[in-house]
Amino acid sequence: STKDIESFGAQGITVHPRPDERHIRYQDARDL
């Protein structure tokens, strides 16, 4: 999805991991 969003023209990707990792996980930030 990130690769697609960038290919569509977005100039940045934002993530907001929270301590309970209920959406973005800390590992997601590493992978992204």
PDB file of all heavy atoms in Angstrom:
ATOM      1  N   SER A   1       0.831  -1.209   0.000  1.00  0.00           N
ATOM      2  CA  SER A   1       0.000   0.000   0.000  1.00  0.00           C
ATOM      3  C   SER A   1       0.863   1.256   0.000  1.00  0.00           C
ATOM      4  O   SER A   1       0.562   2.228  -0.706  1.00  0.00           O
ATOM      5  CB  SER A   1      -0.917   0.009   1.222  1.00  0.00           C
ATOM      6  OG  SER A   1      -1.804  -1.090   1.205  1.00  0.00           O
ATOM      7  N   THR A   2       1.929   1.238   0.769  1.00  0.00           N
ATOM      8  CA  THR A   2       2.835   2.383   0.822  1.00  0.00           C
ATOM      9  C   THR A   2       3.476   2.635  -0.539  1.00  0.00           C
ATOM     10  O   THR A   2       3.551   3.779  -1.007  1.00  0.00           O
ATOM     11  CB  THR A   2       3.910   2.150   1.893  1.00  0.00           C
ATOM     12  OG1 THR A   2       3.287   2.153   3.181  1.00  0.00           O
ATOM     13  CG2 THR A   2       4.979   3.229   1.853  1.00  0.00           C
ATOM     14  N   LYS A   3       3.934   1.574  -1.165  1.00  0.00           N
ATOM     15  CA  LYS A   3       4.523   1.727  -2.500  1.00  0.00           C
ATOM     16  C   LYS A   3       3.511   2.308  -3.480  1.00  0.00           C
ATOM     17  O   LYS A   3       3.845   3.185  -4.296  1.00  0.00           O
ATOM     18  CB  LYS A   3       5.027   0.377  -3.002  1.00  0.00           C
ATOM     19  CG  LYS A   3       6.237  -0.163  -2.249  1.00  0.00           C
ATOM     20  CD  LYS A   3       6.631  -1.539  -2.795  1.00  0.00           C
ATOM     21  CE  LYS A   3       7.849  -2.095  -2.072  1.00  0.00           C
ATOM     22  NZ  LYS A   3       8.218  -3.455  -2.580  1.00  0.00           N
ATOM     23  N   ASP A   4       2.268   1.848  -3.393  1.00  0.00           N
ATOM     24  CA  ASP A   4       1.222   2.356  -4.278  1.00  0.00           C
ATOM     25  C   ASP A   4       0.950   3.833  -4.004  1.00  0.00           C
ATOM     26  O   ASP A   4       0.853   4.645  -4.940  1.00  0.00           O
ATOM     27  CB  ASP A   4      -0.065   1.553  -4.111  1.00  0.00           C
ATOM     28  CG  ASP A   4       0.012   0.158  -4.716  1.00  0.00           C
ATOM     29  OD1 ASP A   4       0.875  -0.070  -5.581  1.00  0.00           O
ATOM     30  OD2 ASP A   4      -0.790  -0.702  -4.298  1.00  0.00           O
ATOM     31  N   ILE A   5       0.794   4.188  -2.740  1.00  0.00           N
ATOM     32  CA  ILE A   5       0.488   5.573  -2.370  1.00  0.00           C
ATOM     33  C   ILE A   5       1.574   6.512  -2.884  1.00  0.00           C
ATOM     34  O   ILE A   5       1.285   7.592  -3.420  1.00  0.00           O
ATOM     35  CB  ILE A   5       0.314   5.692  -0.845  1.00  0.00           C
ATOM     36  CG1 ILE A   5      -0.998   5.011  -0.418  1.00  0.00           C
ATOM     37  CG2 ILE A   5       0.330   7.152  -0.400  1.00  0.00           C
ATOM     38  CD1 ILE A   5      -1.114   4.794   1.070  1.00  0.00           C
ATOM     39  N   GLU A   6       2.823   6.111  -2.753  1.00  0.00           N
ATOM     40  CA  GLU A   6       3.912   6.937  -3.267  1.00  0.00           C
ATOM     41  C   GLU A   6       3.861   7.019  -4.796  1.00  0.00           C
ATOM     42  O   GLU A   6       4.091   8.080  -5.381  1.00  0.00           O
ATOM     43  CB  GLU A   6       5.256   6.383  -2.809  1.00  0.00           C
ATOM     44  CG  GLU A   6       5.518   6.593  -1.324  1.00  0.00           C
ATOM     45  CD  GLU A   6       6.913   6.169  -0.914  1.00  0.00           C
ATOM     46  OE1 GLU A   6       7.371   5.097  -1.382  1.00  0.00           O
ATOM     47  OE2 GLU A   6       7.550   6.900  -0.133  1.00  0.00           O
ATOM     48  N   SER A   7       3.550   5.904  -5.433  1.00  0.00           N
ATOM     49  CA  SER A   7       3.484   5.907  -6.900  1.00  0.00           C
ATOM     50  C   SER A   7       2.337   6.770  -7.405  1.00  0.00           C
ATOM     51  O   SER A   7       2.382   7.289  -8.523  1.00  0.00           O
ATOM     52  CB  SER A   7       3.339   4.478  -7.437  1.00  0.00           C
ATOM     53  OG  SER A   7       2.028   3.968  -7.232  1.00  0.00           O
ATOM     54  N   PHE A   8       1.302   6.959  -6.585  1.00  0.00           N
ATOM     55  CA  PHE A   8       0.176   7.810  -6.952  1.00  0.00           C
ATOM     56  C   PHE A   8       0.518   9.298  -6.815  1.00  0.00           C
ATOM     57  O   PHE A   8      -0.267  10.145  -7.235  1.00  0.00           O
ATOM     58  CB  PHE A   8      -1.048   7.498  -6.100  1.00  0.00           C
ATOM     59  CG  PHE A   8      -1.564   6.090  -6.230  1.00  0.00           C
ATOM     60  CD1 PHE A   8      -2.250   5.488  -5.178  1.00  0.00           C
ATOM     61  CD2 PHE A   8      -1.360   5.358  -7.404  1.00  0.00           C
ATOM     62  CE1 PHE A   8      -2.733   4.186  -5.298  1.00  0.00           C
ATOM     63  CE2 PHE A   8      -1.839   4.058  -7.517  1.00  0.00           C
ATOM     64  CZ  PHE A   8      -2.523   3.466  -6.464  1.00  0.00           C
ATOM     65  N   GLY A   9       1.650   9.607  -6.186  1.00  0.00           N
ATOM     66  CA  GLY A   9       2.091  10.991  -6.111  1.00  0.00           C
ATOM     67  C   GLY A   9       2.270  11.569  -4.725  1.00  0.00           C
ATOM     68  O   GLY A   9       2.743  12.710  -4.592  1.00  0.00           O
ATOM     69  N   ALA A  10       1.902  10.844  -3.663  1.00  0.00           N
ATOM     70  CA  ALA A  10       2.087  11.359  -2.308  1.00  0.00           C
ATOM     71  C   ALA A  10       3.560  11.633  -2.048  1.00  0.00           C
ATOM     72  O   ALA A  10       4.432  10.871  -2.467  1.00  0.00           O
ATOM     73  CB  ALA A  10       1.546  10.378  -1.277  1.00  0.00           C
ATOM     74  N   GLN A  11       3.837  12.717  -1.345  1.00  0.00           N
ATOM     75  CA  GLN A  11       5.226  13.112  -1.097  1.00  0.00           C
ATOM     76  C   GLN A  11       5.738  12.685   0.272  1.00  0.00           C
ATOM     77  O   GLN A  11       6.842  13.032   0.671  1.00  0.00           O
ATOM     78  CB  GLN A  11       5.365  14.625  -1.245  1.00  0.00           C
ATOM     79  CG  GLN A  11       5.062  15.121  -2.652  1.00  0.00           C
ATOM     80  CD  GLN A  11       3.794  15.957  -2.719  1.00  0.00           C
ATOM     81  OE1 GLN A  11       2.894  15.825  -1.895  1.00  0.00           O
ATOM     82  NE2 GLN A  11       3.714  16.825  -3.713  1.00  0.00           N
ATOM     83  N   GLY A  12       4.925  11.914   1.002  1.00  0.00           N
ATOM     84  CA  GLY A  12       5.362  11.446   2.302  1.00  0.00           C
ATOM     85  C   GLY A  12       4.427  10.383   2.845  1.00  0.00           C
ATOM     86  O   GLY A  12       3.288  10.247   2.407  1.00  0.00           O
ATOM     87  N   ILE A  13       4.943   9.624   3.800  1.00  0.00           N
ATOM     88  CA  ILE A  13       4.179   8.603   4.513  1.00  0.00           C
ATOM     89  C   ILE A  13       4.307   8.889   6.004  1.00  0.00           C
ATOM     90  O   ILE A  13       5.417   9.094   6.519  1.00  0.00           O
ATOM     91  CB  ILE A  13       4.703   7.183   4.207  1.00  0.00           C
ATOM     92  CG1 ILE A  13       4.571   6.856   2.719  1.00  0.00           C
ATOM     93  CG2 ILE A  13       3.978   6.149   5.073  1.00  0.00           C
ATOM     94  CD1 ILE A  13       3.144   6.757   2.207  1.00  0.00           C
ATOM     95  N   THR A  14       3.171   8.903   6.691  1.00  0.00           N
ATOM     96  CA  THR A  14       3.140   9.140   8.136  1.00  0.00           C
ATOM     97  C   THR A  14       2.606   7.904   8.853  1.00  0.00           C
ATOM     98  O   THR A  14       1.645   7.283   8.394  1.00  0.00           O
ATOM     99  CB  THR A  14       2.252  10.347   8.469  1.00  0.00           C
ATOM    100  OG1 THR A  14       2.872  11.543   7.984  1.00  0.00           O
ATOM    101  CG2 THR A  14       2.035  10.496   9.974  1.00  0.00           C
ATOM    102  N   VAL A  15       3.236   7.568   9.977  1.00  0.00           N
ATOM    103  CA  VAL A  15       2.722   6.530  10.867  1.00  0.00           C
ATOM    104  C   VAL A  15       2.718   7.077  12.286  1.00  0.00           C
ATOM    105  O   VAL A  15       3.523   7.931  12.631  1.00  0.00           O
ATOM    106  CB  VAL A  15       3.546   5.229  10.801  1.00  0.00           C
ATOM    107  CG1 VAL A  15       3.462   4.603   9.416  1.00  0.00           C
ATOM    108  CG2 VAL A  15       5.005   5.461  11.197  1.00  0.00           C
ATOM    109  N   HIS A  16       1.793   6.578  13.082  1.00  0.00           N
ATOM    110  CA  HIS A  16       1.670   7.023  14.470  1.00  0.00           C
ATOM    111  C   HIS A  16       1.499   5.796  15.367  1.00  0.00           C
ATOM    112  O   HIS A  16       0.389   5.436  15.735  1.00  0.00           O
ATOM    113  CB  HIS A  16       0.479   7.970  14.604  1.00  0.00           C
ATOM    114  CG  HIS A  16       0.391   8.651  15.937  1.00  0.00           C
ATOM    115  ND1 HIS A  16      -0.155   9.903  16.090  1.00  0.00           N
ATOM    116  CD2 HIS A  16       0.768   8.271  17.179  1.00  0.00           C
ATOM    117  CE1 HIS A  16      -0.115  10.251  17.362  1.00  0.00           C
ATOM    118  NE2 HIS A  16       0.428   9.264  18.047  1.00  0.00           N
ATOM    119  N   PRO A  17       2.602   5.124  15.694  1.00  0.00           N
ATOM    120  CA  PRO A  17       2.497   3.966  16.581  1.00  0.00           C
ATOM    121  C   PRO A  17       2.159   4.390  18.003  1.00  0.00           C
ATOM    122  O   PRO A  17       2.696   5.371  18.507  1.00  0.00           O
ATOM    123  CB  PRO A  17       3.900   3.348  16.510  1.00  0.00           C
ATOM    124  CG  PRO A  17       4.796   4.491  16.172  1.00  0.00           C
ATOM    125  CD  PRO A  17       3.993   5.411  15.299  1.00  0.00           C
ATOM    126  N   ARG A  18       1.245   3.663  18.620  1.00  0.00           N
ATOM    127  CA  ARG A  18       0.914   3.922  20.015  1.00  0.00           C
ATOM    128  C   ARG A  18       1.389   2.753  20.874  1.00  0.00           C
ATOM    129  O   ARG A  18       1.651   1.665  20.357  1.00  0.00           O
ATOM    130  CB  ARG A  18      -0.598   4.159  20.152  1.00  0.00           C
ATOM    131  CG  ARG A  18      -1.010   5.518  19.578  1.00  0.00           C
ATOM    132  CD  ARG A  18      -2.476   5.812  19.796  1.00  0.00           C
ATOM    133  NE  ARG A  18      -2.779   7.214  19.529  1.00  0.00           N
ATOM    134  CZ  ARG A  18      -3.048   7.727  18.334  1.00  0.00           C
ATOM    135  NH1 ARG A  18      -3.042   6.944  17.263  1.00  0.00           N
ATOM    136  NH2 ARG A  18      -3.317   9.003  18.183  1.00  0.00           N
ATOM    137  N   PRO A  19       1.501   2.972  22.187  1.00  0.00           N
ATOM    138  CA  PRO A  19       2.083   1.927  23.032  1.00  0.00           C
ATOM    139  C   PRO A  19       1.393   0.573  22.924  1.00  0.00           C
ATOM    140  O   PRO A  19       2.050  -0.466  23.029  1.00  0.00           O
ATOM    141  CB  PRO A  19       1.944   2.514  24.445  1.00  0.00           C
ATOM    142  CG  PRO A  19       2.004   3.996  24.234  1.00  0.00           C
ATOM    143  CD  PRO A  19       1.252   4.227  22.942  1.00  0.00           C
ATOM    144  N   ASP A  20       0.060   0.551  22.704  1.00  0.00           N
ATOM    145  CA  ASP A  20      -0.639  -0.728  22.605  1.00  0.00           C
ATOM    146  C   ASP A  20      -0.591  -1.320  21.191  1.00  0.00           C
ATOM    147  O   ASP A  20      -1.104  -2.421  20.959  1.00  0.00           O
ATOM    148  CB  ASP A  20      -2.098  -0.599  23.066  1.00  0.00           C
ATOM    149  CG  ASP A  20      -2.899   0.388  22.221  1.00  0.00           C
ATOM    150  OD1 ASP A  20      -2.365   0.900  21.207  1.00  0.00           O
ATOM    151  OD2 ASP A  20      -4.060   0.647  22.584  1.00  0.00           O
ATOM    152  N   GLU A  21       0.005  -0.587  20.239  1.00  0.00           N
ATOM    153  CA  GLU A  21       0.178  -1.053  18.864  1.00  0.00           C
ATOM    154  C   GLU A  21      -1.147  -1.512  18.236  1.00  0.00           C
ATOM    155  O   GLU A  21      -1.193  -2.477  17.485  1.00  0.00           O
ATOM    156  CB  GLU A  21       1.232  -2.169  18.789  1.00  0.00           C
ATOM    157  CG  GLU A  21       2.608  -1.726  19.279  1.00  0.00           C
ATOM    158  CD  GLU A  21       3.685  -2.770  19.078  1.00  0.00           C
ATOM    159  OE1 GLU A  21       3.863  -3.616  19.981  1.00  0.00           O
ATOM    160  OE2 GLU A  21       4.341  -2.736  18.034  1.00  0.00           O
ATOM    161  N   ARG A  22      -2.216  -0.770  18.543  1.00  0.00           N
ATOM    162  CA  ARG A  22      -3.534  -1.191  18.060  1.00  0.00           C
ATOM    163  C   ARG A  22      -3.729  -0.946  16.565  1.00  0.00           C
ATOM    164  O   ARG A  22      -4.673  -1.469  15.985  1.00  0.00           O
ATOM    165  CB  ARG A  22      -4.639  -0.502  18.852  1.00  0.00           C
ATOM    166  CG  ARG A  22      -4.707   1.008  18.714  1.00  0.00           C
ATOM    167  CD  ARG A  22      -5.831   1.564  19.580  1.00  0.00           C
ATOM    168  NE  ARG A  22      -5.960   3.000  19.499  1.00  0.00           N
ATOM    169  CZ  ARG A  22      -5.328   3.858  20.279  1.00  0.00           C
ATOM    170  NH1 ARG A  22      -4.485   3.396  21.191  1.00  0.00           N
ATOM    171  NH2 ARG A  22      -5.513   5.159  20.152  1.00  0.00           N
ATOM    172  N   HIS A  23      -2.884  -0.144  15.970  1.00  0.00           N
ATOM    173  CA  HIS A  23      -2.916  -0.012  14.505  1.00  0.00           C
ATOM    174  C   HIS A  23      -1.499  -0.183  13.974  1.00  0.00           C
ATOM    175  O   HIS A  23      -1.090  -1.303  13.676  1.00  0.00           O
ATOM    176  CB  HIS A  23      -3.582   1.292  14.044  1.00  0.00           C
ATOM    177  CG  HIS A  23      -3.388   2.469  14.940  1.00  0.00           C
ATOM    178  ND1 HIS A  23      -2.144   3.022  15.192  1.00  0.00           N
ATOM    179  CD2 HIS A  23      -4.283   3.214  15.633  1.00  0.00           C
ATOM    180  CE1 HIS A  23      -2.294   4.061  15.998  1.00  0.00           C
ATOM    181  NE2 HIS A  23      -3.577   4.192  16.293  1.00  0.00           N
ATOM    182  N   ILE A  24      -0.734   0.868  13.831  1.00  0.00           N
ATOM    183  CA  ILE A  24       0.661   0.712  13.417  1.00  0.00           C
ATOM    184  C   ILE A  24       1.459   0.036  14.526  1.00  0.00           C
ATOM    185  O   ILE A  24       1.405   0.446  15.689  1.00  0.00           O
ATOM    186  CB  ILE A  24       1.278   2.086  13.079  1.00  0.00           C
ATOM    187  CG1 ILE A  24       0.686   2.629  11.779  1.00  0.00           C
ATOM    188  CG2 ILE A  24       2.799   1.991  12.961  1.00  0.00           C
ATOM    189  CD1 ILE A  24       1.083   1.856  10.534  1.00  0.00           C
ATOM    190  N   ARG A  25       2.170  -0.999  14.172  1.00  0.00           N
ATOM    191  CA  ARG A  25       3.045  -1.687  15.116  1.00  0.00           C
ATOM    192  C   ARG A  25       4.462  -1.123  15.006  1.00  0.00           C
ATOM    193  O   ARG A  25       4.849  -0.599  13.966  1.00  0.00           O
ATOM    194  CB  ARG A  25       3.058  -3.189  14.819  1.00  0.00           C
ATOM    195  CG  ARG A  25       1.681  -3.831  14.923  1.00  0.00           C
ATOM    196  CD  ARG A  25       1.686  -5.215  14.327  1.00  0.00           C
ATOM    197  NE  ARG A  25       0.336  -5.809  14.368  1.00  0.00           N
ATOM    198  CZ  ARG A  25      -0.100  -6.734  13.524  1.00  0.00           C
ATOM    199  NH1 ARG A  25       0.703  -7.169  12.550  1.00  0.00           N
ATOM    200  NH2 ARG A  25      -1.327  -7.217  13.627  1.00  0.00           N
ATOM    201  N   TYR A  26       5.211  -1.266  16.064  1.00  0.00           N
ATOM    202  CA  TYR A  26       6.586  -0.766  16.027  1.00  0.00           C
ATOM    203  C   TYR A  26       7.382  -1.441  14.912  1.00  0.00           C
ATOM    204  O   TYR A  26       8.192  -0.806  14.241  1.00  0.00           O
ATOM    205  CB  TYR A  26       7.254  -0.968  17.388  1.00  0.00           C
ATOM    206  CG  TYR A  26       6.933   0.144  18.371  1.00  0.00           C
ATOM    207  CD1 TYR A  26       5.612   0.495  18.644  1.00  0.00           C
ATOM    208  CD2 TYR A  26       7.938   0.847  19.008  1.00  0.00           C
ATOM    209  CE1 TYR A  26       5.310   1.525  19.524  1.00  0.00           C
ATOM    210  CE2 TYR A  26       7.650   1.873  19.901  1.00  0.00           C
ATOM    211  CZ  TYR A  26       6.337   2.207  20.156  1.00  0.00           C
ATOM    212  OH  TYR A  26       6.060   3.231  21.026  1.00  0.00           O
ATOM    213  N   GLN A  27       7.108  -2.719  14.674  1.00  0.00           N
ATOM    214  CA  GLN A  27       7.812  -3.415  13.601  1.00  0.00           C
ATOM    215  C   GLN A  27       7.423  -2.852  12.239  1.00  0.00           C
ATOM    216  O   GLN A  27       8.244  -2.844  11.314  1.00  0.00           O
ATOM    217  CB  GLN A  27       7.530  -4.919  13.652  1.00  0.00           C
ATOM    218  CG  GLN A  27       8.372  -5.740  12.675  1.00  0.00           C
ATOM    219  CD  GLN A  27       9.868  -5.560  12.888  1.00  0.00           C
ATOM    220  OE1 GLN A  27      10.351  -5.577  14.016  1.00  0.00           O
ATOM    221  NE2 GLN A  27      10.610  -5.378  11.805  1.00  0.00           N
ATOM    222  N   ASP A  28       6.192  -2.368  12.099  1.00  0.00           N
ATOM    223  CA  ASP A  28       5.787  -1.736  10.845  1.00  0.00           C
ATOM    224  C   ASP A  28       6.713  -0.569  10.512  1.00  0.00           C
ATOM    225  O   ASP A  28       7.115  -0.388   9.354  1.00  0.00           O
ATOM    226  CB  ASP A  28       4.350  -1.210  10.926  1.00  0.00           C
ATOM    227  CG  ASP A  28       3.307  -2.314  10.974  1.00  0.00           C
ATOM    228  OD1 ASP A  28       3.554  -3.392  10.397  1.00  0.00           O
ATOM    229  OD2 ASP A  28       2.250  -2.085  11.594  1.00  0.00           O
ATOM    230  N   ALA A  29       7.020   0.248  11.510  1.00  0.00           N
ATOM    231  CA  ALA A  29       7.893   1.403  11.273  1.00  0.00           C
ATOM    232  C   ALA A  29       9.261   0.942  10.781  1.00  0.00           C
ATOM    233  O   ALA A  29       9.845   1.557   9.874  1.00  0.00           O
ATOM    234  CB  ALA A  29       8.031   2.229  12.545  1.00  0.00           C
ATOM    235  N   ARG A  30       9.754  -0.143  11.357  1.00  0.00           N
ATOM    236  CA  ARG A  30      11.051  -0.669  10.915  1.00  0.00           C
ATOM    237  C   ARG A  30      10.967  -1.172   9.480  1.00  0.00           C
ATOM    238  O   ARG A  30      11.854  -0.915   8.659  1.00  0.00           O
ATOM    239  CB  ARG A  30      11.497  -1.791  11.849  1.00  0.00           C
ATOM    240  CG  ARG A  30      11.689  -1.369  13.299  1.00  0.00           C
ATOM    241  CD  ARG A  30      12.203  -2.531  14.143  1.00  0.00           C
ATOM    242  NE  ARG A  30      12.363  -2.130  15.537  1.00  0.00           N
ATOM    243  CZ  ARG A  30      11.475  -2.390  16.501  1.00  0.00           C
ATOM    244  NH1 ARG A  30      10.354  -3.068  16.211  1.00  0.00           N
ATOM    245  NH2 ARG A  30      11.695  -1.999  17.739  1.00  0.00           N
ATOM    246  N   ASP A  31       9.896  -1.886   9.164  1.00  0.00           N
ATOM    247  CA  ASP A  31       9.739  -2.463   7.830  1.00  0.00           C
ATOM    248  C   ASP A  31       9.523  -1.369   6.782  1.00  0.00           C
ATOM    249  O   ASP A  31      10.051  -1.452   5.663  1.00  0.00           O
ATOM    250  CB  ASP A  31       8.561  -3.435   7.807  1.00  0.00           C
ATOM    251  CG  ASP A  31       8.797  -4.672   8.675  1.00  0.00           C
ATOM    252  OD1 ASP A  31       9.971  -4.976   8.988  1.00  0.00           O
ATOM    253  OD2 ASP A  31       7.798  -5.312   9.058  1.00  0.00           O
ATOM    254  N   LEU A  32       8.752  -0.353   7.130  1.00  0.00           N
ATOM    255  CA  LEU A  32       8.453   0.713   6.173  1.00  0.00           C
ATOM    256  C   LEU A  32       9.684   1.552   5.853  1.00  0.00           C
ATOM    257  O   LEU A  32       9.820   2.054   4.729  1.00  0.00           O
ATOM    258  CB  LEU A  32       7.343   1.604   6.724  1.00  0.00           C
ATOM    259  CG  LEU A  32       5.949   0.969   6.728  1.00  0.00           C
ATOM    260  CD1 LEU A  32       5.007   1.749   7.631  1.00  0.00           C
ATOM    261  CD2 LEU A  32       5.390   0.892   5.306  1.00  0.00           C
TER     262      LEU A  32
END
